[in-house]
PDB file of N, CA and C in Angstrom:
ATOM      1  N   MET A   1     137.277  -4.827 149.797  1.00  0.00           N
ATOM      2  CA  MET A   1     136.729  -6.020 149.092  1.00  0.00           C
ATOM      3  C   MET A   1     134.995  -5.398 149.598  1.00  0.00           C
ATOM      4  N   ALA A   2     134.819  -4.868 149.890  1.00  0.00           N
ATOM      5  CA  ALA A   2     133.701  -4.755 151.092  1.00  0.00           C
ATOM      6  C   ALA A   2     132.916  -2.961 149.701  1.00  0.00           C
ATOM      7  N   GLU A   3     133.654  -2.570 149.555  1.00  0.00           N
ATOM      8  CA  GLU A   3     134.218  -0.807 149.037  1.00  0.00           C
ATOM      9  C   GLU A   3     133.464  -0.798 147.425  1.00  0.00           C
ATOM     10  N   LEU A   4     133.942  -2.200 146.909  1.00  0.00           N
ATOM     11  CA  LEU A   4     133.162  -2.739 144.944  1.00  0.00           C
ATOM     12  C   LEU A   4     131.766  -2.709 145.300  1.00  0.00           C
ATOM     13  N   PHE A   5     131.328  -2.937 146.415  1.00  0.00           N
ATOM     14  CA  PHE A   5     129.969  -2.914 146.161  1.00  0.00           C
ATOM     15  C   PHE A   5     128.756  -1.875 146.808  1.00  0.00           C
ATOM     16  N   LYS A   6     129.477  -0.646 147.659  1.00  0.00           N
ATOM     17  CA  LYS A   6     129.123   0.369 148.281  1.00  0.00           C
ATOM     18  C   LYS A   6     128.171   1.586 147.384  1.00  0.00           C
ATOM     19  N   GLU A   7     128.818   0.910 145.772  1.00  0.00           N
ATOM     20  CA  GLU A   7     128.307   2.162 144.636  1.00  0.00           C
ATOM     21  C   GLU A   7     127.749   1.480 144.130  1.00  0.00           C
ATOM     22  N   ASP A   8     126.456   1.737 143.200  1.00  0.00           N
ATOM     23  CA  ASP A   8     125.285   1.710 142.168  1.00  0.00           C
ATOM     24  C   ASP A   8     125.973   0.367 141.026  1.00  0.00           C
ATOM     25  N   PRO A   9     125.368  -0.756 141.232  1.00  0.00           N
ATOM     26  CA  PRO A   9     126.100  -2.443 140.467  1.00  0.00           C
ATOM     27  C   PRO A   9     126.274  -1.028 139.065  1.00  0.00           C
ATOM     28  N   ALA A  10     124.749  -0.139 138.469  1.00  0.00           N
ATOM     29  CA  ALA A  10     124.703   0.154 136.863  1.00  0.00           C
ATOM     30  C   ALA A  10     126.145   1.541 136.303  1.00  0.00           C
ATOM     31  N   GLU A  11     126.933   1.951 137.312  1.00  0.00           N
ATOM     32  CA  GLU A  11     126.971   2.911 137.839  1.00  0.00           C
ATOM     33  C   GLU A  11     128.755   2.243 137.745  1.00  0.00           C
ATOM     34  N   GLN A  12     128.997   1.149 139.190  1.00  0.00           N
ATOM     35  CA  GLN A  12     130.391   1.153 138.828  1.00  0.00           C
ATOM     36  C   GLN A  12     130.454   0.144 137.634  1.00  0.00           C
ATOM     37  N   PHE A  13     130.197  -0.715 137.391  1.00  0.00           N
ATOM     38  CA  PHE A  13     129.802  -1.875 136.180  1.00  0.00           C
ATOM     39  C   PHE A  13     129.269  -1.335 135.115  1.00  0.00           C
ATOM     40  N   LYS A  14     129.761   0.223 134.321  1.00  0.00           N
ATOM     41  CA  LYS A  14     129.375   0.318 133.256  1.00  0.00           C
ATOM     42  C   LYS A  14     130.483  -0.139 131.958  1.00  0.00           C
ATOM     43  N   GLU A  15     129.487   0.246 131.364  1.00  0.00           N
ATOM     44  CA  GLU A  15     130.658  -0.881 129.677  1.00  0.00           C
ATOM     45  C   GLU A  15     131.635   0.257 129.197  1.00  0.00           C
ATOM     46  N   VAL A  16     130.709   2.141 129.499  1.00  0.00           N
ATOM     47  CA  VAL A  16     132.117   2.329 128.813  1.00  0.00           C
ATOM     48  C   VAL A  16     132.433   3.423 129.794  1.00  0.00           C
ATOM     49  N   PRO A  17     133.925   3.224 129.890  1.00  0.00           N
ATOM     50  CA  PRO A  17     134.220   4.636 130.997  1.00  0.00           C
ATOM     51  C   PRO A  17     134.334   6.295 130.480  1.00  0.00           C
ATOM     52  N   SER A  18     134.090   6.428 131.122  1.00  0.00           N
ATOM     53  CA  SER A  18     134.302   8.127 131.051  1.00  0.00           C
ATOM     54  C   SER A  18     135.657   8.591 130.289  1.00  0.00           C
ATOM     55  N   GLU A  19     137.083   7.925 130.699  1.00  0.00           N
ATOM     56  CA  GLU A  19     138.002   8.525 130.105  1.00  0.00           C
ATOM     57  C   GLU A  19     139.098   6.351 130.367  1.00  0.00           C
ATOM     58  N   SER A  20     139.610   6.382 128.892  1.00  0.00           N
ATOM     59  CA  SER A  20     140.815   5.255 128.063  1.00  0.00           C
ATOM     60  C   SER A  20     141.457   5.370 127.741  1.00  0.00           C
ATOM     61  N   ILE A  21     143.039   5.018 127.444  1.00  0.00           N
ATOM     62  CA  ILE A  21     143.658   5.137 126.506  1.00  0.00           C
ATOM     63  C   ILE A  21     143.144   4.573 125.708  1.00  0.00           C
ATOM     64  N   PHE A  22     143.038   3.484 125.973  1.00  0.00           N
ATOM     65  CA  PHE A  22     141.931   2.347 124.803  1.00  0.00           C
ATOM     66  C   PHE A  22     140.510   2.854 124.010  1.00  0.00           C
ATOM     67  N   TYR A  23     140.283   3.817 124.501  1.00  0.00           N
ATOM     68  CA  TYR A  23     139.853   4.140 123.629  1.00  0.00           C
ATOM     69  C   TYR A  23     139.780   5.532 122.840  1.00  0.00           C
ATOM     70  N   GLU A  24     141.120   5.395 122.639  1.00  0.00           N
ATOM     71  CA  GLU A  24     142.179   6.597 121.592  1.00  0.00           C
ATOM     72  C   GLU A  24     143.046   5.762 119.953  1.00  0.00           C
ATOM     73  N   ILE A  25     142.456   4.673 120.665  1.00  0.00           N
ATOM     74  CA  ILE A  25     143.514   4.060 120.011  1.00  0.00           C
ATOM     75  C   ILE A  25     142.436   2.802 119.098  1.00  0.00           C
ATOM     76  N   THR A  26     143.110   1.858 117.794  1.00  0.00           N
ATOM     77  CA  THR A  26     142.020   1.166 117.590  1.00  0.00           C
ATOM     78  C   THR A  26     142.636  -0.667 117.322  1.00  0.00           C
ATOM     79  N   PRO A  27     142.007  -1.191 117.399  1.00  0.00           N
ATOM     80  CA  PRO A  27     142.220  -2.319 117.896  1.00  0.00           C
ATOM     81  C   PRO A  27     143.853  -2.854 116.735  1.00  0.00           C
ATOM     82  N   GLU A  28     144.225  -2.636 115.998  1.00  0.00           N
ATOM     83  CA  GLU A  28     145.084  -3.068 115.504  1.00  0.00           C
ATOM     84  C   GLU A  28     146.136  -2.229 116.295  1.00  0.00           C
ATOM     85  N   GLU A  29     146.214  -0.871 116.282  1.00  0.00           N
ATOM     86  CA  GLU A  29     147.461  -0.755 117.586  1.00  0.00           C
ATOM     87  C   GLU A  29     147.529  -0.989 119.334  1.00  0.00           C
ATOM     88  N   SER A  30     146.617  -1.296 119.212  1.00  0.00           N
ATOM     89  CA  SER A  30     147.001  -2.191 120.316  1.00  0.00           C
ATOM     90  C   SER A  30     147.053  -3.338 120.456  1.00  0.00           C
ATOM     91  N   SER A  31     147.014  -3.716 119.332  1.00  0.00           N
ATOM     92  CA  SER A  31     147.833  -4.736 119.290  1.00  0.00           C
ATOM     93  C   SER A  31     149.329  -4.725 118.931  1.00  0.00           C
ATOM     94  N   ILE A  32     149.507  -3.880 118.033  1.00  0.00           N
ATOM     95  CA  ILE A  32     150.759  -3.323 117.779  1.00  0.00           C
ATOM     96  C   ILE A  32     151.421  -3.162 119.591  1.00  0.00           C
ATOM     97  N   LEU A  33     150.967  -2.367 120.155  1.00  0.00           N
ATOM     98  CA  LEU A  33     151.475  -1.516 121.880  1.00  0.00           C
ATOM     99  C   LEU A  33     151.698  -2.869 122.250  1.00  0.00           C
ATOM    100  N   PHE A  34     150.680  -4.108 122.086  1.00  0.00           N
ATOM    101  CA  PHE A  34     151.034  -5.338 122.952  1.00  0.00           C
ATOM    102  C   PHE A  34     152.106  -5.964 122.766  1.00  0.00           C
ATOM    103  N   TYR A  35     152.558  -6.179 121.370  1.00  0.00           N
ATOM    104  CA  TYR A  35     153.485  -7.045 120.278  1.00  0.00           C
ATOM    105  C   TYR A  35     154.730  -6.962 120.870  1.00  0.00           C
ATOM    106  N   PHE A  36     155.088  -5.054 121.155  1.00  0.00           N
ATOM    107  CA  PHE A  36     156.157  -4.585 121.476  1.00  0.00           C
ATOM    108  C   PHE A  36     156.559  -5.098 122.610  1.00  0.00           C
ATOM    109  N   LEU A  37     155.563  -4.381 123.020  1.00  0.00           N
ATOM    110  CA  LEU A  37     155.386  -4.459 125.139  1.00  0.00           C
ATOM    111  C   LEU A  37     156.101  -5.818 125.035  1.00  0.00           C
ATOM    112  N   GLY A  38     155.596  -6.807 124.789  1.00  0.00           N
ATOM    113  CA  GLY A  38     155.799  -8.251 124.652  1.00  0.00           C
ATOM    114  C   GLY A  38     157.307  -8.203 124.361  1.00  0.00           C
ATOM    115  N   LEU A  39     158.139  -8.160 122.626  1.00  0.00           N
ATOM    116  CA  LEU A  39     159.310  -8.111 122.175  1.00  0.00           C
ATOM    117  C   LEU A  39     159.947  -7.300 123.836  1.00  0.00           C
ATOM    118  N   VAL A  40     160.479  -6.282 123.498  1.00  0.00           N
ATOM    119  CA  VAL A  40     161.059  -5.322 125.018  1.00  0.00           C
ATOM    120  C   VAL A  40     160.843  -6.266 126.586  1.00  0.00           C
ATOM    121  N   ILE A  41     160.024  -7.211 126.685  1.00  0.00           N
ATOM    122  CA  ILE A  41     159.902  -7.810 128.409  1.00  0.00           C
ATOM    123  C   ILE A  41     160.931  -9.022 128.081  1.00  0.00           C
ATOM    124  N   SER A  42     160.724  -9.027 127.045  1.00  0.00           N
ATOM    125  CA  SER A  42     161.143 -11.228 126.851  1.00  0.00           C
ATOM    126  C   SER A  42     163.304 -10.767 126.497  1.00  0.00           C
ATOM    127  N   GLU A  43     162.860  -9.619 125.870  1.00  0.00           N
ATOM    128  CA  GLU A  43     164.361  -8.982 125.883  1.00  0.00           C
ATOM    129  C   GLU A  43     165.689 -10.112 126.097  1.00  0.00           C
ATOM    130  N   LYS A  44     164.985  -9.276 127.950  1.00  0.00           N
ATOM    131  CA  LYS A  44     166.274  -8.731 128.740  1.00  0.00           C
ATOM    132  C   LYS A  44     165.967 -11.203 129.898  1.00  0.00           C
ATOM    133  N   LEU A  45     165.762 -11.093 129.713  1.00  0.00           N
ATOM    134  CA  LEU A  45     164.145 -11.778 130.211  1.00  0.00           C
ATOM    135  C   LEU A  45     165.577 -13.834 129.790  1.00  0.00           C
ATOM    136  N   THR A  46     165.627 -15.414 130.769  1.00  0.00           N
ATOM    137  CA  THR A  46     165.541 -16.186 130.400  1.00  0.00           C
ATOM    138  C   THR A  46     164.281 -16.967 130.438  1.00  0.00           C
ATOM    139  N   ILE A  47     164.834 -18.334 129.763  1.00  0.00           N
ATOM    140  CA  ILE A  47     163.343 -18.916 129.639  1.00  0.00           C
ATOM    141  C   ILE A  47     162.867 -19.399 130.560  1.00  0.00           C
ATOM    142  N   ASP A  48     163.106 -19.501 131.926  1.00  0.00           N
ATOM    143  CA  ASP A  48     162.863 -19.774 132.241  1.00  0.00           C
ATOM    144  C   ASP A  48     161.963 -18.762 133.356  1.00  0.00           C
ATOM    145  N   GLU A  49     162.784 -17.561 133.359  1.00  0.00           N
ATOM    146  CA  GLU A  49     161.511 -16.058 133.856  1.00  0.00           C
ATOM    147  C   GLU A  49     160.270 -16.065 132.874  1.00  0.00           C
ATOM    148  N   LEU A  50     161.038 -15.592 131.989  1.00  0.00           N
ATOM    149  CA  LEU A  50     159.963 -15.710 130.579  1.00  0.00           C
ATOM    150  C   LEU A  50     158.224 -16.524 130.592  1.00  0.00           C
ATOM    151  N   ASN A  51     158.631 -17.429 131.267  1.00  0.00           N
ATOM    152  CA  ASN A  51     157.741 -19.014 131.242  1.00  0.00           C
ATOM    153  C   ASN A  51     157.055 -18.870 132.298  1.00  0.00           C
ATOM    154  N   LEU A  52     158.149 -17.974 133.568  1.00  0.00           N
ATOM    155  CA  LEU A  52     157.216 -17.389 134.881  1.00  0.00           C
ATOM    156  C   LEU A  52     156.364 -16.267 134.168  1.00  0.00           C
ATOM    157  N   LEU A  53     157.382 -15.339 133.828  1.00  0.00           N
ATOM    158  CA  LEU A  53     156.026 -14.435 134.115  1.00  0.00           C
ATOM    159  C   LEU A  53     155.400 -14.596 132.669  1.00  0.00           C
ATOM    160  N   ALA A  54     155.109 -15.212 131.327  1.00  0.00           N
ATOM    161  CA  ALA A  54     154.437 -15.426 131.029  1.00  0.00           C
ATOM    162  C   ALA A  54     152.497 -16.328 130.738  1.00  0.00           C
ATOM    163  N   ASN A  55     153.217 -16.967 132.809  1.00  0.00           N
ATOM    164  CA  ASN A  55     152.226 -17.754 133.150  1.00  0.00           C
ATOM    165  C   ASN A  55     151.820 -16.987 134.249  1.00  0.00           C
ATOM    166  N   GLY A  56     151.817 -16.284 134.573  1.00  0.00           N
ATOM    167  CA  GLY A  56     152.036 -15.687 135.648  1.00  0.00           C
ATOM    168  C   GLY A  56     150.915 -14.056 135.397  1.00  0.00           C
ATOM    169  N   LEU A  57     151.575 -13.596 134.087  1.00  0.00           N
ATOM    170  CA  LEU A  57     150.319 -12.930 133.097  1.00  0.00           C
ATOM    171  C   LEU A  57     149.145 -13.304 132.417  1.00  0.00           C
ATOM    172  N   PHE A  58     149.046 -15.121 132.233  1.00  0.00           N
ATOM    173  CA  PHE A  58     148.178 -15.758 131.440  1.00  0.00           C
ATOM    174  C   PHE A  58     146.871 -15.877 132.783  1.00  0.00           C
ATOM    175  N   GLU A  59     147.728 -16.273 133.720  1.00  0.00           N
ATOM    176  CA  GLU A  59     146.589 -16.102 134.995  1.00  0.00           C
ATOM    177  C   GLU A  59     145.871 -14.625 135.431  1.00  0.00           C
ATOM    178  N   THR A  60     146.600 -13.600 135.482  1.00  0.00           N
ATOM    179  CA  THR A  60     146.059 -12.662 135.171  1.00  0.00           C
ATOM    180  C   THR A  60     145.206 -12.141 134.140  1.00  0.00           C
ATOM    181  N   ALA A  61     145.293 -12.310 133.330  1.00  0.00           N
ATOM    182  CA  ALA A  61     144.314 -11.619 132.171  1.00  0.00           C
ATOM    183  C   ALA A  61     142.700 -13.271 132.821  1.00  0.00           C
ATOM    184  N   GLN A  62     143.139 -14.370 132.598  1.00  0.00           N
ATOM    185  CA  GLN A  62     142.224 -15.190 133.037  1.00  0.00           C
ATOM    186  C   GLN A  62     141.343 -14.793 134.298  1.00  0.00           C
ATOM    187  N   VAL A  63     141.776 -13.662 135.055  1.00  0.00           N
ATOM    188  CA  VAL A  63     141.365 -14.001 136.072  1.00  0.00           C
ATOM    189  C   VAL A  63     140.675 -11.904 135.796  1.00  0.00           C
ATOM    190  N   MET A  64     141.207 -11.860 135.055  1.00  0.00           N
ATOM    191  CA  MET A  64     139.924 -10.229 133.927  1.00  0.00           C
ATOM    192  C   MET A  64     138.911 -10.527 133.207  1.00  0.00           C
ATOM    193  N   PHE A  65     139.319 -12.517 132.790  1.00  0.00           N
ATOM    194  CA  PHE A  65     137.913 -12.030 131.912  1.00  0.00           C
ATOM    195  C   PHE A  65     137.431 -12.825 133.062  1.00  0.00           C
ATOM    196  N   ILE A  66     137.195 -13.243 133.558  1.00  0.00           N
ATOM    197  CA  ILE A  66     136.068 -13.613 134.598  1.00  0.00           C
ATOM    198  C   ILE A  66     135.379 -13.149 134.903  1.00  0.00           C
ATOM    199  N   ILE A  67     135.957 -11.466 135.829  1.00  0.00           N
ATOM    200  CA  ILE A  67     135.418 -10.289 135.719  1.00  0.00           C
ATOM    201  C   ILE A  67     135.091 -10.070 134.792  1.00  0.00           C
ATOM    202  N   ALA A  68     135.419  -9.813 133.937  1.00  0.00           N
ATOM    203  CA  ALA A  68     134.376  -8.431 132.566  1.00  0.00           C
ATOM    204  C   ALA A  68     133.196  -9.671 132.443  1.00  0.00           C
ATOM    205  N   SER A  69     133.536 -10.405 132.745  1.00  0.00           N
ATOM    206  CA  SER A  69     132.819 -12.045 132.118  1.00  0.00           C
ATOM    207  C   SER A  69     131.103 -11.959 132.753  1.00  0.00           C
ATOM    208  N   HIS A  70     131.464 -11.737 134.686  1.00  0.00           N
ATOM    209  CA  HIS A  70     130.362 -11.442 135.356  1.00  0.00           C
ATOM    210  C   HIS A  70     130.460  -9.588 135.219  1.00  0.00           C
ATOM    211  N   ARG A  71     130.601  -8.675 135.181  1.00  0.00           N
ATOM    212  CA  ARG A  71     129.988  -7.397 135.164  1.00  0.00           C
ATOM    213  C   ARG A  71     129.470  -7.623 133.653  1.00  0.00           C
ATOM    214  N   GLN A  72     129.654  -7.895 132.918  1.00  0.00           N
ATOM    215  CA  GLN A  72     128.285  -7.935 131.546  1.00  0.00           C
ATOM    216  C   GLN A  72     127.999  -8.385 131.599  1.00  0.00           C
ATOM    217  N   MET A  73     127.374  -9.882 133.229  1.00  0.00           N
ATOM    218  CA  MET A  73     126.037 -10.166 133.429  1.00  0.00           C
ATOM    219  C   MET A  73     125.992  -9.845 134.015  1.00  0.00           C
ATOM    220  N   LEU A  74     126.051  -8.969 135.375  1.00  0.00           N
ATOM    221  CA  LEU A  74     125.313  -8.171 135.915  1.00  0.00           C
ATOM    222  C   LEU A  74     124.538  -6.781 135.137  1.00  0.00           C
ATOM    223  N   ASN A  75     125.243  -6.179 133.998  1.00  0.00           N
ATOM    224  CA  ASN A  75     125.047  -5.063 133.372  1.00  0.00           C
ATOM    225  C   ASN A  75     124.127  -5.663 132.136  1.00  0.00           C
ATOM    226  N   ASP A  76     123.981  -6.777 131.452  1.00  0.00           N
ATOM    227  CA  ASP A  76     122.803  -7.452 130.816  1.00  0.00           C
ATOM    228  C   ASP A  76     121.848  -7.833 131.980  1.00  0.00           C
ATOM    229  N   ALA A  77     122.163  -7.939 132.829  1.00  0.00           N
ATOM    230  CA  ALA A  77     120.283  -8.799 133.443  1.00  0.00           C
ATOM    231  C   ALA A  77     119.759  -7.216 135.057  1.00  0.00           C
ATOM    232  N   LEU A  78     120.751  -5.997 135.068  1.00  0.00           N
ATOM    233  CA  LEU A  78     120.216  -4.876 134.442  1.00  0.00           C
ATOM    234  C   LEU A  78     119.551  -4.176 134.094  1.00  0.00           C
ATOM    235  N   GLN A  79     120.161  -3.768 132.430  1.00  0.00           N
ATOM    236  CA  GLN A  79     119.825  -3.392 131.216  1.00  0.00           C
ATOM    237  C   GLN A  79     118.118  -4.844 130.837  1.00  0.00           C
ATOM    238  N   ALA A  80     117.957  -5.539 130.926  1.00  0.00           N
ATOM    239  CA  ALA A  80     116.567  -6.444 131.116  1.00  0.00           C
ATOM    240  C   ALA A  80     115.902  -6.540 132.198  1.00  0.00           C
ATOM    241  N   GLN A  81     116.067  -5.950 133.880  1.00  0.00           N
ATOM    242  CA  GLN A  81     114.954  -5.162 134.410  1.00  0.00           C
ATOM    243  C   GLN A  81     114.953  -4.315 134.449  1.00  0.00           C
ATOM    244  N   LEU A  82     115.114  -2.906 133.089  1.00  0.00           N
ATOM    245  CA  LEU A  82     115.033  -1.193 132.758  1.00  0.00           C
ATOM    246  C   LEU A  82     114.224  -1.649 131.841  1.00  0.00           C
ATOM    247  N   ASP A  83     114.644  -2.338 131.011  1.00  0.00           N
ATOM    248  CA  ASP A  83     114.109  -3.470 129.881  1.00  0.00           C
ATOM    249  C   ASP A  83     112.422  -3.057 130.047  1.00  0.00           C
ATOM    250  N   LYS A  84     112.564  -4.173 131.042  1.00  0.00           N
ATOM    251  CA  LYS A  84     111.277  -5.040 131.985  1.00  0.00           C
ATOM    252  C   LYS A  84     110.102  -3.412 131.811  1.00  0.00           C
ATOM    253  N   LYS A  85     110.200  -3.233 133.111  1.00  0.00           N
ATOM    254  CA  LYS A  85     110.303  -1.529 133.956  1.00  0.00           C
ATOM    255  C   LYS A  85     109.879  -0.456 132.348  1.00  0.00           C
ATOM    256  N   ASP A  86     110.201   0.192 131.234  1.00  0.00           N
ATOM    257  CA  ASP A  86     110.430   0.240 130.685  1.00  0.00           C
ATOM    258  C   ASP A  86     109.082  -0.122 129.504  1.00  0.00           C
ATOM    259  N   GLU A  87     109.102  -0.920 129.860  1.00  0.00           N
ATOM    260  CA  GLU A  87     107.872  -2.247 128.763  1.00  0.00           C
ATOM    261  C   GLU A  87     106.281  -2.332 129.907  1.00  0.00           C
ATOM    262  N   GLU A  88     106.233  -2.093 131.161  1.00  0.00           N
ATOM    263  CA  GLU A  88     104.815  -2.214 131.414  1.00  0.00           C
ATOM    264  C   GLU A  88     104.480  -0.663 131.983  1.00  0.00           C
ATOM    265  N   ALA A  89     106.119  -0.246 132.139  1.00  0.00           N
ATOM    266  CA  ALA A  89     105.588   1.667 131.774  1.00  0.00           C
ATOM    267  C   ALA A  89     104.546   2.256 130.880  1.00  0.00           C
ATOM    268  N   ALA A  90     105.373   1.609 129.991  1.00  0.00           N
ATOM    269  CA  ALA A  90     104.394   1.366 128.200  1.00  0.00           C
ATOM    270  C   ALA A  90     103.178   0.746 128.226  1.00  0.00           C
ATOM    271  N   ALA A  91     103.494  -0.224 128.828  1.00  0.00           N
ATOM    272  CA  ALA A  91     101.820  -0.804 128.825  1.00  0.00           C
ATOM    273  C   ALA A  91     100.662  -0.381 130.086  1.00  0.00           C
ATOM    274  N   ALA A  92     101.877   0.334 130.442  1.00  0.00           N
ATOM    275  CA  ALA A  92     100.006   1.365 131.546  1.00  0.00           C
ATOM    276  C   ALA A  92     100.225   2.434 131.492  1.00  0.00           C
ATOM    277  N   SER A  93     101.181   3.273 130.651  1.00  0.00           N
ATOM    278  CA  SER A  93     100.692   4.331 129.467  1.00  0.00           C
ATOM    279  C   SER A  93      99.631   4.216 128.690  1.00  0.00           C
ATOM    280  N   ALA A  94      99.571   2.937 127.732  1.00  0.00           N
ATOM    281  CA  ALA A  94      98.226   3.181 126.539  1.00  0.00           C
ATOM    282  C   ALA A  94      97.572   2.542 127.287  1.00  0.00           C
ATOM    283  N   GLU A  95      97.547   1.321 128.662  1.00  0.00           N
ATOM    284  CA  GLU A  95      96.210   1.795 129.169  1.00  0.00           C
ATOM    285  C   GLU A  95      94.911   2.458 129.868  1.00  0.00           C
ATOM    286  N   SER A  96      96.073   2.861 130.330  1.00  0.00           N
ATOM    287  CA  SER A  96      95.195   4.557 129.849  1.00  0.00           C
ATOM    288  C   SER A  96      95.066   5.468 129.420  1.00  0.00           C
ATOM    289  N   MET A  97      95.634   5.100 128.417  1.00  0.00           N
ATOM    290  CA  MET A  97      94.973   6.378 126.889  1.00  0.00           C
ATOM    291  C   MET A  97      94.123   5.526 126.157  1.00  0.00           C
ATOM    292  N   LYS A  98      93.976   4.266 126.890  1.00  0.00           N
ATOM    293  CA  LYS A  98      92.447   3.729 126.584  1.00  0.00           C
ATOM    294  C   LYS A  98      91.265   4.160 126.986  1.00  0.00           C
ATOM    295  N   ARG A  99      91.546   3.902 128.071  1.00  0.00           N
ATOM    296  CA  ARG A  99      90.900   4.257 129.523  1.00  0.00           C
ATOM    297  C   ARG A  99      90.097   6.002 129.242  1.00  0.00           C
ATOM    298  N   GLU A 100      90.755   5.820 128.733  1.00  0.00           N
ATOM    299  CA  GLU A 100      90.786   8.491 128.669  1.00  0.00           C
ATOM    300  C   GLU A 100      89.951   8.205 126.829  1.00  0.00           C
ATOM    301  N   VAL A 101      90.441   7.080 125.772  1.00  0.00           N
ATOM    302  CA  VAL A 101      89.254   7.253 125.222  1.00  0.00           C
ATOM    303  C   VAL A 101      87.699   6.997 125.066  1.00  0.00           C
ATOM    304  N   THR A 102      88.284   5.541 125.808  1.00  0.00           N
ATOM    305  CA  THR A 102      86.234   5.451 125.968  1.00  0.00           C
ATOM    306  C   THR A 102      85.458   6.135 126.981  1.00  0.00           C
ATOM    307  N   GLU A 103      86.028   6.781 127.899  1.00  0.00           N
ATOM    308  CA  GLU A 103      85.606   7.874 128.317  1.00  0.00           C
ATOM    309  C   GLU A 103      84.880   9.186 127.823  1.00  0.00           C
ATOM    310  N   LEU A 104      86.291   9.045 126.822  1.00  0.00           N
ATOM    311  CA  LEU A 104      85.979  10.857 125.932  1.00  0.00           C
ATOM    312  C   LEU A 104      84.532  10.457 124.753  1.00  0.00           C
ATOM    313  N   LYS A 105      84.916   9.180 124.538  1.00  0.00           N
ATOM    314  CA  LYS A 105      83.467   8.207 123.681  1.00  0.00           C
ATOM    315  C   LYS A 105      82.112   9.227 123.928  1.00  0.00           C
ATOM    316  N   GLN A 106      82.382   8.597 125.989  1.00  0.00           N
ATOM    317  CA  GLN A 106      81.011   7.988 125.738  1.00  0.00           C
ATOM    318  C   GLN A 106      80.834   9.333 126.729  1.00  0.00           C
ATOM    319  N   GLN A 107      81.195  10.782 126.808  1.00  0.00           N
ATOM    320  CA  GLN A 107      81.521  11.959 127.473  1.00  0.00           C
ATOM    321  C   GLN A 107      80.293  12.556 125.888  1.00  0.00           C
ATOM    322  N   ILE A 108      81.449  12.295 124.584  1.00  0.00           N
ATOM    323  CA  ILE A 108      80.389  12.841 123.583  1.00  0.00           C
ATOM    324  C   ILE A 108      79.502  12.210 122.740  1.00  0.00           C
ATOM    325  N   ARG A 109      79.389  11.561 123.665  1.00  0.00           N
ATOM    326  CA  ARG A 109      77.974  10.620 123.300  1.00  0.00           C
ATOM    327  C   ARG A 109      76.844  10.868 123.753  1.00  0.00           C
ATOM    328  N   LYS A 110      77.194  11.093 125.452  1.00  0.00           N
ATOM    329  CA  LYS A 110      76.107  12.162 126.146  1.00  0.00           C
ATOM    330  C   LYS A 110      76.052  13.917 125.981  1.00  0.00           C
ATOM    331  N   LEU A 111      76.952  13.754 125.132  1.00  0.00           N
ATOM    332  CA  LEU A 111      77.114  15.392 125.060  1.00  0.00           C
ATOM    333  C   LEU A 111      75.857  15.512 123.268  1.00  0.00           C
ATOM    334  N   GLN A 112      75.857  14.066 122.640  1.00  0.00           N
ATOM    335  CA  GLN A 112      75.307  14.225 121.408  1.00  0.00           C
ATOM    336  C   GLN A 112      73.513  14.118 122.369  1.00  0.00           C
ATOM    337  N   LYS A 113      73.797  12.487 122.747  1.00  0.00           N
ATOM    338  CA  LYS A 113      72.131  12.882 123.126  1.00  0.00           C
ATOM    339  C   LYS A 113      71.790  13.846 123.539  1.00  0.00           C
ATOM    340  N   GLN A 114      72.488  14.846 124.147  1.00  0.00           N
ATOM    341  CA  GLN A 114      71.842  16.296 124.514  1.00  0.00           C
ATOM    342  C   GLN A 114      71.815  17.364 123.977  1.00  0.00           C
ATOM    343  N   ILE A 115      71.902  17.174 123.018  1.00  0.00           N
ATOM    344  CA  ILE A 115      72.184  18.603 121.648  1.00  0.00           C
ATOM    345  C   ILE A 115      70.824  18.644 121.551  1.00  0.00           C
ATOM    346  N   ASP A 116      71.124  16.562 120.430  1.00  0.00           N
ATOM    347  CA  ASP A 116      70.452  15.724 120.211  1.00  0.00           C
ATOM    348  C   ASP A 116      68.030  16.354 120.798  1.00  0.00           C
ATOM    349  N   GLU A 117      68.433  15.993 122.162  1.00  0.00           N
ATOM    350  CA  GLU A 117      67.354  16.575 122.153  1.00  0.00           C
ATOM    351  C   GLU A 117      67.008  17.799 122.858  1.00  0.00           C
ATOM    352  N   LEU A 118      68.068  19.044 123.368  1.00  0.00           N
ATOM    353  CA  LEU A 118      67.414  19.851 122.512  1.00  0.00           C
ATOM    354  C   LEU A 118      67.024  20.544 121.445  1.00  0.00           C
ATOM    355  N   LYS A 119      67.937  19.916 120.096  1.00  0.00           N
ATOM    356  CA  LYS A 119      67.391  20.088 119.047  1.00  0.00           C
ATOM    357  C   LYS A 119      65.041  19.119 119.255  1.00  0.00           C
ATOM    358  N   LEU A 120      64.673  18.610 119.242  1.00  0.00           N
ATOM    359  CA  LEU A 120      63.462  18.631 119.980  1.00  0.00           C
ATOM    360  C   LEU A 120      62.837  19.188 120.943  1.00  0.00           C
ATOM    361  N   TYR A 121      63.007  19.920 120.510  1.00  0.00           N
ATOM    362  CA  TYR A 121      62.659  20.777 122.252  1.00  0.00           C
ATOM    363  C   TYR A 121      62.784  22.480 121.310  1.00  0.00           C
ATOM    364  N   LYS A 122      62.844  22.746 120.255  1.00  0.00           N
ATOM    365  CA  LYS A 122      63.072  23.758 119.462  1.00  0.00           C
ATOM    366  C   LYS A 122      61.538  24.034 118.572  1.00  0.00           C
TER     367      LYS A 122
END
């Protein structure tokens, strides 16, 4: 369990895996796949076995939903942090540009003053 948290959380809980069969099929095809899977599995089981298996799969699904929602929450928090850093960097860059523009305006004024003084001496 400790190995789960050694990786970078942004990489570990990424939303889009590099390879997955579920990106190769449509939502309708995945529904049909699970429908037929349910039919095939149910065909040879008794009512008690079906109840036990269905309840077990339902419990498994609930755990998977919890894990998925927690991962989504972590992804959202990481994205919010990245967005905030980007906004801060953009604000700092804009402030830096404003200072540069102000300095350039001052230099232009000084140069214009020097030009005007040189014109007076001619």
